[in-house]
N, C-alpha and C. Protein backbone atom coordinates (compact mmCIF):
# COMPACT_ATOMS: atom_id res chain seq x y z
N MET A 1 -69.19 44.35 -18.96
CA MET A 1 -68.23 43.31 -19.19
C MET A 1 -68.46 42.73 -20.58
N ASP A 2 -67.48 42.86 -21.46
CA ASP A 2 -67.66 42.46 -22.84
C ASP A 2 -66.90 41.17 -23.13
N VAL A 3 -67.58 40.05 -22.97
CA VAL A 3 -66.93 38.77 -23.23
C VAL A 3 -66.74 38.53 -24.71
N ALA A 4 -67.50 39.22 -25.57
CA ALA A 4 -67.39 39.02 -27.01
C ALA A 4 -66.00 39.39 -27.52
N ASP A 5 -65.39 40.39 -26.94
CA ASP A 5 -64.09 40.87 -27.41
C ASP A 5 -62.92 40.35 -26.59
N ASP A 6 -63.17 39.48 -25.64
CA ASP A 6 -62.10 39.04 -24.75
C ASP A 6 -62.06 37.52 -24.63
N PRO A 7 -61.33 36.84 -25.54
CA PRO A 7 -61.27 35.38 -25.48
C PRO A 7 -60.64 34.85 -24.20
N THR A 8 -59.75 35.62 -23.60
CA THR A 8 -59.13 35.18 -22.34
C THR A 8 -60.18 35.15 -21.23
N LEU A 9 -61.02 36.18 -21.17
CA LEU A 9 -62.10 36.21 -20.18
C LEU A 9 -63.06 35.05 -20.41
N ARG A 10 -63.41 34.80 -21.67
CA ARG A 10 -64.31 33.67 -21.96
C ARG A 10 -63.68 32.36 -21.49
N ALA A 11 -62.41 32.18 -21.73
CA ALA A 11 -61.73 30.95 -21.29
C ALA A 11 -61.77 30.83 -19.77
N LEU A 12 -61.51 31.93 -19.08
CA LEU A 12 -61.54 31.92 -17.61
C LEU A 12 -62.94 31.56 -17.11
N LEU A 13 -63.97 32.18 -17.69
CA LEU A 13 -65.34 31.92 -17.25
C LEU A 13 -65.74 30.47 -17.54
N ARG A 14 -65.34 29.95 -18.67
CA ARG A 14 -65.66 28.57 -19.01
C ARG A 14 -64.92 27.60 -18.08
N ALA A 15 -63.68 27.90 -17.76
CA ALA A 15 -62.92 27.04 -16.84
C ALA A 15 -63.56 27.04 -15.46
N ALA A 16 -63.94 28.22 -14.97
CA ALA A 16 -64.60 28.30 -13.66
C ALA A 16 -65.90 27.50 -13.68
N ARG A 17 -66.67 27.64 -14.76
CA ARG A 17 -67.93 26.90 -14.87
C ARG A 17 -67.65 25.40 -14.89
N ALA A 18 -66.63 24.96 -15.62
CA ALA A 18 -66.31 23.54 -15.70
C ALA A 18 -65.93 22.98 -14.33
N TRP A 19 -65.28 23.78 -13.50
CA TRP A 19 -64.87 23.34 -12.17
C TRP A 19 -65.95 23.62 -11.12
N GLY A 20 -67.05 24.28 -11.52
CA GLY A 20 -68.16 24.50 -10.60
C GLY A 20 -67.89 25.53 -9.53
N VAL A 21 -67.07 26.54 -9.85
CA VAL A 21 -66.77 27.59 -8.88
C VAL A 21 -66.99 28.95 -9.54
N SER A 22 -67.04 29.98 -8.71
CA SER A 22 -67.17 31.33 -9.23
C SER A 22 -65.85 31.74 -9.87
N PRO A 23 -65.90 32.69 -10.81
CA PRO A 23 -64.65 33.17 -11.42
C PRO A 23 -63.65 33.71 -10.40
N SER A 24 -64.14 34.45 -9.40
CA SER A 24 -63.21 35.00 -8.41
C SER A 24 -62.58 33.89 -7.58
N THR A 25 -63.34 32.85 -7.26
CA THR A 25 -62.77 31.72 -6.53
C THR A 25 -61.76 30.99 -7.41
N PHE A 26 -62.08 30.83 -8.69
CA PHE A 26 -61.16 30.20 -9.63
C PHE A 26 -59.84 30.97 -9.68
N LEU A 27 -59.92 32.28 -9.55
CA LEU A 27 -58.72 33.12 -9.57
C LEU A 27 -58.00 33.19 -8.23
N GLY A 28 -58.56 32.51 -7.21
CA GLY A 28 -57.86 32.43 -5.94
C GLY A 28 -58.42 33.24 -4.79
N ALA A 29 -59.56 33.91 -5.00
CA ALA A 29 -60.15 34.70 -3.91
C ALA A 29 -60.58 33.77 -2.79
N LYS A 30 -60.40 34.22 -1.58
CA LYS A 30 -60.78 33.44 -0.40
C LYS A 30 -62.14 33.94 0.11
N ARG A 31 -62.95 33.01 0.57
CA ARG A 31 -64.23 33.38 1.18
C ARG A 31 -63.97 33.81 2.61
N VAL A 32 -64.64 34.85 3.01
CA VAL A 32 -64.45 35.41 4.35
C VAL A 32 -65.64 35.02 5.22
N THR A 33 -65.30 34.53 6.40
CA THR A 33 -66.33 34.22 7.39
C THR A 33 -66.17 35.19 8.56
N SER A 34 -67.27 35.88 8.89
CA SER A 34 -67.26 36.81 10.02
C SER A 34 -67.99 36.15 11.19
N HIS A 35 -67.42 36.28 12.37
CA HIS A 35 -68.01 35.71 13.58
C HIS A 35 -68.49 36.85 14.47
N PHE A 36 -69.69 36.68 15.00
CA PHE A 36 -70.29 37.71 15.85
C PHE A 36 -70.46 37.14 17.26
N TYR A 37 -69.99 37.93 18.22
CA TYR A 37 -69.97 37.47 19.61
C TYR A 37 -70.84 38.37 20.48
N ALA A 38 -71.43 37.77 21.49
CA ALA A 38 -72.21 38.51 22.49
C ALA A 38 -71.31 38.74 23.69
N GLU A 39 -71.89 39.34 24.72
CA GLU A 39 -71.12 39.55 25.95
C GLU A 39 -70.58 38.23 26.47
N GLY A 40 -69.45 38.30 27.04
CA GLY A 40 -68.83 37.09 27.58
C GLY A 40 -68.14 36.27 26.50
N ASN A 41 -67.94 36.89 25.37
CA ASN A 41 -67.22 36.23 24.27
C ASN A 41 -67.94 34.98 23.77
N ARG A 42 -69.28 35.02 23.86
CA ARG A 42 -70.10 33.88 23.40
C ARG A 42 -70.45 34.08 21.93
N LEU A 43 -70.12 33.08 21.11
CA LEU A 43 -70.40 33.15 19.67
C LEU A 43 -71.90 33.15 19.45
N VAL A 44 -72.39 34.16 18.74
CA VAL A 44 -73.82 34.28 18.46
C VAL A 44 -74.13 33.74 17.08
N ARG A 45 -73.33 34.11 16.10
CA ARG A 45 -73.56 33.61 14.74
C ARG A 45 -72.28 33.81 13.92
N SER A 46 -72.24 33.09 12.81
CA SER A 46 -71.16 33.24 11.84
C SER A 46 -71.79 33.42 10.47
N GLU A 47 -71.22 34.32 9.69
CA GLU A 47 -71.73 34.56 8.34
C GLU A 47 -70.56 34.45 7.36
N THR A 48 -70.76 33.64 6.35
CA THR A 48 -69.75 33.49 5.30
C THR A 48 -70.26 34.21 4.06
N GLU A 49 -69.42 35.08 3.52
CA GLU A 49 -69.85 35.82 2.34
C GLU A 49 -70.01 34.86 1.16
N SER A 50 -70.84 35.26 0.23
CA SER A 50 -71.14 34.44 -0.93
C SER A 50 -69.88 34.18 -1.75
N GLN A 51 -69.83 33.01 -2.34
CA GLN A 51 -68.73 32.69 -3.24
C GLN A 51 -68.84 33.53 -4.51
N TRP A 52 -70.04 33.96 -4.84
CA TRP A 52 -70.29 34.70 -6.07
C TRP A 52 -70.45 36.19 -5.80
N THR A 53 -69.54 37.00 -6.31
CA THR A 53 -69.64 38.44 -6.19
C THR A 53 -70.56 38.99 -7.28
N ARG A 54 -70.89 40.25 -7.18
CA ARG A 54 -71.70 40.88 -8.23
C ARG A 54 -70.99 40.78 -9.58
N ASP A 55 -69.67 41.02 -9.59
CA ASP A 55 -68.90 40.91 -10.84
C ASP A 55 -68.94 39.49 -11.39
N ASP A 56 -68.87 38.50 -10.50
CA ASP A 56 -68.95 37.10 -10.94
C ASP A 56 -70.27 36.83 -11.64
N ARG A 57 -71.37 37.30 -11.03
CA ARG A 57 -72.69 37.06 -11.61
C ARG A 57 -72.84 37.78 -12.95
N GLU A 58 -72.36 39.01 -13.02
CA GLU A 58 -72.45 39.77 -14.28
C GLU A 58 -71.63 39.09 -15.38
N ALA A 59 -70.46 38.61 -15.03
CA ALA A 59 -69.61 37.94 -16.01
C ALA A 59 -70.26 36.63 -16.48
N ALA A 60 -70.83 35.87 -15.56
CA ALA A 60 -71.48 34.61 -15.92
C ALA A 60 -72.67 34.87 -16.84
N LEU A 61 -73.46 35.89 -16.53
CA LEU A 61 -74.60 36.22 -17.39
C LEU A 61 -74.14 36.73 -18.75
N ALA A 62 -73.05 37.48 -18.79
CA ALA A 62 -72.51 37.97 -20.06
C ALA A 62 -72.04 36.80 -20.92
N LEU A 63 -71.41 35.80 -20.30
CA LEU A 63 -70.98 34.62 -21.06
C LEU A 63 -72.18 33.87 -21.62
N LEU A 64 -73.23 33.71 -20.81
CA LEU A 64 -74.43 33.03 -21.29
C LEU A 64 -75.07 33.78 -22.44
N ALA A 65 -75.11 35.10 -22.36
CA ALA A 65 -75.68 35.91 -23.45
C ALA A 65 -74.84 35.76 -24.71
N TRP A 66 -73.52 35.77 -24.57
CA TRP A 66 -72.64 35.62 -25.72
C TRP A 66 -72.84 34.24 -26.35
N GLU A 67 -72.90 33.20 -25.52
CA GLU A 67 -73.08 31.83 -26.02
C GLU A 67 -74.44 31.65 -26.70
N ALA A 68 -75.46 32.35 -26.22
CA ALA A 68 -76.79 32.24 -26.82
C ALA A 68 -76.81 32.80 -28.25
N ASP A 69 -75.85 33.64 -28.58
CA ASP A 69 -75.77 34.24 -29.92
C ASP A 69 -74.91 33.42 -30.88
N LEU A 70 -74.43 32.26 -30.45
CA LEU A 70 -73.56 31.47 -31.32
C LEU A 70 -74.37 30.57 -32.24
N CYS A 71 -73.92 30.48 -33.49
CA CYS A 71 -74.56 29.60 -34.47
C CYS A 71 -74.32 28.15 -34.05
N PRO A 72 -75.38 27.33 -34.03
CA PRO A 72 -75.19 25.93 -33.65
C PRO A 72 -74.37 25.15 -34.68
N GLY A 73 -74.25 25.67 -35.89
CA GLY A 73 -73.49 24.98 -36.92
C GLY A 73 -72.01 25.28 -36.87
N CYS A 74 -71.65 26.57 -36.93
CA CYS A 74 -70.23 26.93 -37.01
C CYS A 74 -69.67 27.46 -35.70
N GLY A 75 -70.54 27.80 -34.74
CA GLY A 75 -70.07 28.27 -33.44
C GLY A 75 -69.64 29.73 -33.41
N GLN A 76 -69.90 30.46 -34.47
CA GLN A 76 -69.54 31.87 -34.51
C GLN A 76 -70.77 32.72 -34.19
N PRO A 77 -70.57 33.99 -33.79
CA PRO A 77 -71.70 34.85 -33.40
C PRO A 77 -72.68 35.07 -34.56
N LEU A 78 -73.95 34.78 -34.30
CA LEU A 78 -74.99 34.97 -35.31
C LEU A 78 -75.13 36.42 -35.73
N THR A 79 -74.83 37.34 -34.80
CA THR A 79 -74.92 38.76 -35.17
C THR A 79 -73.95 39.09 -36.29
N GLU A 80 -72.87 38.34 -36.39
CA GLU A 80 -71.91 38.54 -37.48
C GLU A 80 -72.26 37.68 -38.69
N THR A 81 -72.53 36.39 -38.45
CA THR A 81 -72.69 35.46 -39.57
C THR A 81 -74.00 35.63 -40.33
N THR A 82 -74.99 36.27 -39.71
CA THR A 82 -76.26 36.50 -40.41
C THR A 82 -76.42 37.95 -40.87
N ASP A 83 -75.43 38.75 -40.65
CA ASP A 83 -75.46 40.15 -41.08
C ASP A 83 -75.46 40.20 -42.61
N PRO A 84 -76.47 40.81 -43.23
CA PRO A 84 -76.51 40.89 -44.69
C PRO A 84 -75.24 41.50 -45.30
N ALA A 85 -74.56 42.35 -44.56
CA ALA A 85 -73.33 42.97 -45.06
C ALA A 85 -72.22 41.93 -45.25
N ASN A 86 -72.36 40.77 -44.60
CA ASN A 86 -71.33 39.73 -44.71
C ASN A 86 -71.66 38.65 -45.73
N GLU A 87 -72.77 38.82 -46.44
CA GLU A 87 -73.13 37.83 -47.46
C GLU A 87 -72.02 37.73 -48.50
N GLU A 88 -71.62 36.51 -48.79
CA GLU A 88 -70.58 36.20 -49.77
C GLU A 88 -69.19 36.72 -49.38
N ARG A 89 -69.01 37.09 -48.11
CA ARG A 89 -67.70 37.56 -47.66
C ARG A 89 -66.90 36.46 -46.97
N TYR A 90 -67.57 35.36 -46.60
CA TYR A 90 -66.84 34.26 -45.97
C TYR A 90 -66.16 33.44 -47.05
N VAL A 91 -64.90 33.09 -46.80
CA VAL A 91 -64.09 32.37 -47.77
C VAL A 91 -63.59 31.07 -47.14
N ALA A 92 -63.77 29.97 -47.85
CA ALA A 92 -63.27 28.68 -47.36
C ALA A 92 -61.79 28.58 -47.69
N ARG A 93 -61.00 28.20 -46.74
CA ARG A 93 -59.56 27.99 -46.92
C ARG A 93 -59.32 26.50 -47.15
N PRO A 94 -58.17 26.16 -47.70
CA PRO A 94 -57.87 24.73 -47.88
C PRO A 94 -57.88 24.01 -46.53
N PRO A 95 -58.35 22.76 -46.51
CA PRO A 95 -58.41 22.04 -45.24
C PRO A 95 -57.01 21.71 -44.73
N LEU A 96 -56.92 21.55 -43.43
CA LEU A 96 -55.69 21.10 -42.80
C LEU A 96 -55.78 19.59 -42.64
N LEU A 97 -54.69 18.92 -42.83
CA LEU A 97 -54.66 17.47 -42.69
C LEU A 97 -53.92 17.12 -41.41
N CYS A 98 -54.61 16.47 -40.50
CA CYS A 98 -53.99 16.03 -39.25
C CYS A 98 -53.37 14.65 -39.51
N HIS A 99 -52.05 14.61 -39.48
CA HIS A 99 -51.34 13.37 -39.80
C HIS A 99 -51.55 12.30 -38.73
N ARG A 100 -51.82 12.71 -37.51
CA ARG A 100 -52.12 11.73 -36.46
C ARG A 100 -53.46 11.07 -36.73
N CYS A 101 -54.45 11.86 -37.16
CA CYS A 101 -55.76 11.29 -37.49
C CYS A 101 -55.65 10.33 -38.68
N VAL A 102 -54.79 10.65 -39.64
CA VAL A 102 -54.56 9.75 -40.77
C VAL A 102 -54.04 8.41 -40.26
N ALA A 103 -53.06 8.45 -39.35
CA ALA A 103 -52.50 7.21 -38.80
C ALA A 103 -53.57 6.43 -38.04
N THR A 104 -54.38 7.12 -37.28
CA THR A 104 -55.45 6.45 -36.52
C THR A 104 -56.46 5.81 -37.47
N GLU A 105 -56.86 6.55 -38.48
CA GLU A 105 -57.83 6.04 -39.45
C GLU A 105 -57.26 4.83 -40.21
N SER A 106 -56.00 4.92 -40.61
CA SER A 106 -55.36 3.81 -41.33
C SER A 106 -55.26 2.57 -40.46
N ALA A 107 -54.87 2.75 -39.21
CA ALA A 107 -54.76 1.61 -38.29
C ALA A 107 -56.13 1.00 -38.02
N ALA A 108 -57.15 1.83 -37.89
CA ALA A 108 -58.50 1.33 -37.61
C ALA A 108 -59.01 0.47 -38.77
N LYS A 109 -58.66 0.83 -40.00
CA LYS A 109 -59.10 0.04 -41.16
C LYS A 109 -58.54 -1.38 -41.11
N LYS A 110 -57.34 -1.53 -40.56
CA LYS A 110 -56.73 -2.85 -40.46
C LYS A 110 -57.51 -3.75 -39.50
N TRP A 111 -58.23 -3.14 -38.59
CA TRP A 111 -58.95 -3.90 -37.56
C TRP A 111 -60.47 -3.87 -37.75
N GLU A 112 -60.95 -3.38 -38.90
CA GLU A 112 -62.40 -3.21 -39.08
C GLU A 112 -63.17 -4.52 -39.04
N ASN A 113 -62.51 -5.66 -39.27
CA ASN A 113 -63.20 -6.95 -39.22
C ASN A 113 -63.12 -7.60 -37.84
N HIS A 114 -62.53 -6.92 -36.90
CA HIS A 114 -62.46 -7.43 -35.53
C HIS A 114 -63.89 -7.54 -34.98
N ALA A 115 -64.10 -8.43 -34.04
CA ALA A 115 -65.44 -8.63 -33.48
C ALA A 115 -65.99 -7.35 -32.84
N HIS A 116 -65.12 -6.50 -32.31
CA HIS A 116 -65.55 -5.27 -31.65
C HIS A 116 -64.63 -4.11 -32.06
N PRO A 117 -64.66 -3.70 -33.32
CA PRO A 117 -63.73 -2.66 -33.76
C PRO A 117 -63.92 -1.33 -33.04
N GLY A 118 -65.11 -1.03 -32.65
CA GLY A 118 -65.36 0.23 -31.94
C GLY A 118 -64.81 0.25 -30.53
N ALA A 119 -64.48 -0.92 -30.00
CA ALA A 119 -63.96 -1.01 -28.64
C ALA A 119 -62.43 -1.00 -28.60
N LEU A 120 -61.81 -1.01 -29.76
CA LEU A 120 -60.36 -1.02 -29.81
C LEU A 120 -59.79 0.36 -29.55
N LEU A 121 -58.79 0.43 -28.69
CA LEU A 121 -58.05 1.67 -28.45
C LEU A 121 -56.71 1.51 -29.16
N ILE A 122 -56.47 2.34 -30.15
CA ILE A 122 -55.28 2.21 -30.97
C ILE A 122 -54.29 3.29 -30.57
N PRO A 123 -53.20 2.90 -29.89
CA PRO A 123 -52.22 3.90 -29.50
C PRO A 123 -51.45 4.41 -30.74
N ILE A 124 -51.33 5.71 -30.83
CA ILE A 124 -50.60 6.36 -31.92
C ILE A 124 -49.54 7.24 -31.27
N GLU A 125 -48.32 7.15 -31.75
CA GLU A 125 -47.28 8.00 -31.19
C GLU A 125 -46.44 8.57 -32.32
N LEU A 126 -45.80 9.67 -32.05
CA LEU A 126 -44.95 10.35 -33.01
C LEU A 126 -43.60 9.65 -33.07
N ASP A 127 -43.20 9.22 -34.25
CA ASP A 127 -41.90 8.57 -34.44
C ASP A 127 -40.84 9.67 -34.46
N GLU A 128 -40.01 9.69 -33.44
CA GLU A 128 -39.00 10.75 -33.29
C GLU A 128 -37.73 10.52 -34.09
N THR A 129 -37.68 9.39 -34.84
CA THR A 129 -36.45 9.11 -35.60
C THR A 129 -36.35 9.90 -36.88
């Protein structure tokens, strides 16, 4: 299972982990409970199969291995970012400006002398006019 090349699989595994369930359960698989009876139709025991299949465990371990290879600074795979063949190949692009963050920052400056500026929640909305 190659999580490195499959961002959709990584997203699924992370979502399942965030919700605390196995990937197969996250995808809708039902757990099966088998009931075992003795003579006279007397219930002897019930066994519920594990929520985690072998594939679930392999996928979870693959995600952990992939995450362990990520640079703590940029979040990209260290096997790529530390490869000597990639030295001087990374190029910085012009930054993107988030206009909503500009509005939030501007509004916050107006309130910086408030007794509790960090506690202020400043609603920002898109002007549709």
